[in-house]
């Protein structure tokens, strides 16, 4: 008899792993990454940190928390850093949820929310959305006596859709005080700095609200794995009890601090991605695809009147003809969609051209 795990197995979603048939370079648009290399300041910081790689980074990320506090006007003691925001979501779940508890999310919420619920043995409850966009009233209607956590990504992944900060504030005001509300704004920079500031302001008015953010998207540090959370003063020491010591390595801390010092470059890059987002969405519409209104660095689209098999064929065509990898959404209700991050304009142009040729092939 083999050991009995407490966790239910979860299927690992496969990616295209075959060689590119034409020998083309791979353009991976499947992970919502930024297409730019490290900024000069980040590259220099990493080079300096490499000389001390034999030493641990500061276990509490003191320098990084100070830099975050200065950048966003937040008390550093109200900040905790982690190995990407995903670690912090997991830490929050382990702190507040156990078997028999419920974790509430929106219908097409971030897949990591489901993973955290599985890890702690909590029941995952999904509230219906309106036009693939979070519905605050539906979330509130789904609250039960067993609800302990509400995870909400805004902008959302994988849809890219978003509700205004005023709706988040309405949710925080109506939610029972004993339920922890986690507002994940990993893509907040692509929605605007004013929006991010408005979300952080909600924490000041509530003892049960946490905001999670990341350096993986707008700051282009996905490989470094640095995330952070802003919460009420009483909660941060509790989260440290569940977080591993030193989970943000020394190189990652150095890179993140340097990235915060290059706000101008970050802002320009975000503006370029936002501009490409609008351009590519218009082009897809002209090609006959439906694209959800995104406020993130990616788009989710579908061929009008298409089906899951046609989408699967398109995804394979993008790889075979252009070396482009996109994300094949298979969640219930999203089977006909695919999602891709905005790359450099030359990459986006290649994507559009491959889609155009695929559609022409379908007509012949």
Foldseek 3Di string as FASTA:
>chain_A
DDDDDPFDDDDDDDFDDDQQPVNFDADEFAPQFAFDDADPLLVVLLVVVVVVQVDWAAQQLVVLLVLVCVLQVADSLQKGKFLALLLVLLLVLVLWDAAQAEEEEAPPADVSSVVSCRVRNHHYHYFYDDPPEDDLVSRLVPDDPRYAEYEYEACGPPQQDHDALVSVLVSQVSDDQRHAYEYEDQQVVLLHPVRVSSNLVSQVVHQRYKYKYGCRHLVRPVVQRMIMMGHDNVCPVSSVVRGDGRRRGNSSSSSSSSSSVPVVVSNVSSVQLSVLVVVLCVLVVVLQKHWRDHSGQKIKIAHVVDFLVLQVVLQVQCCNVPSYHWAQDDPVPRSRIIMGGDYPPVVSVSSSVSVSVSVVVVVD
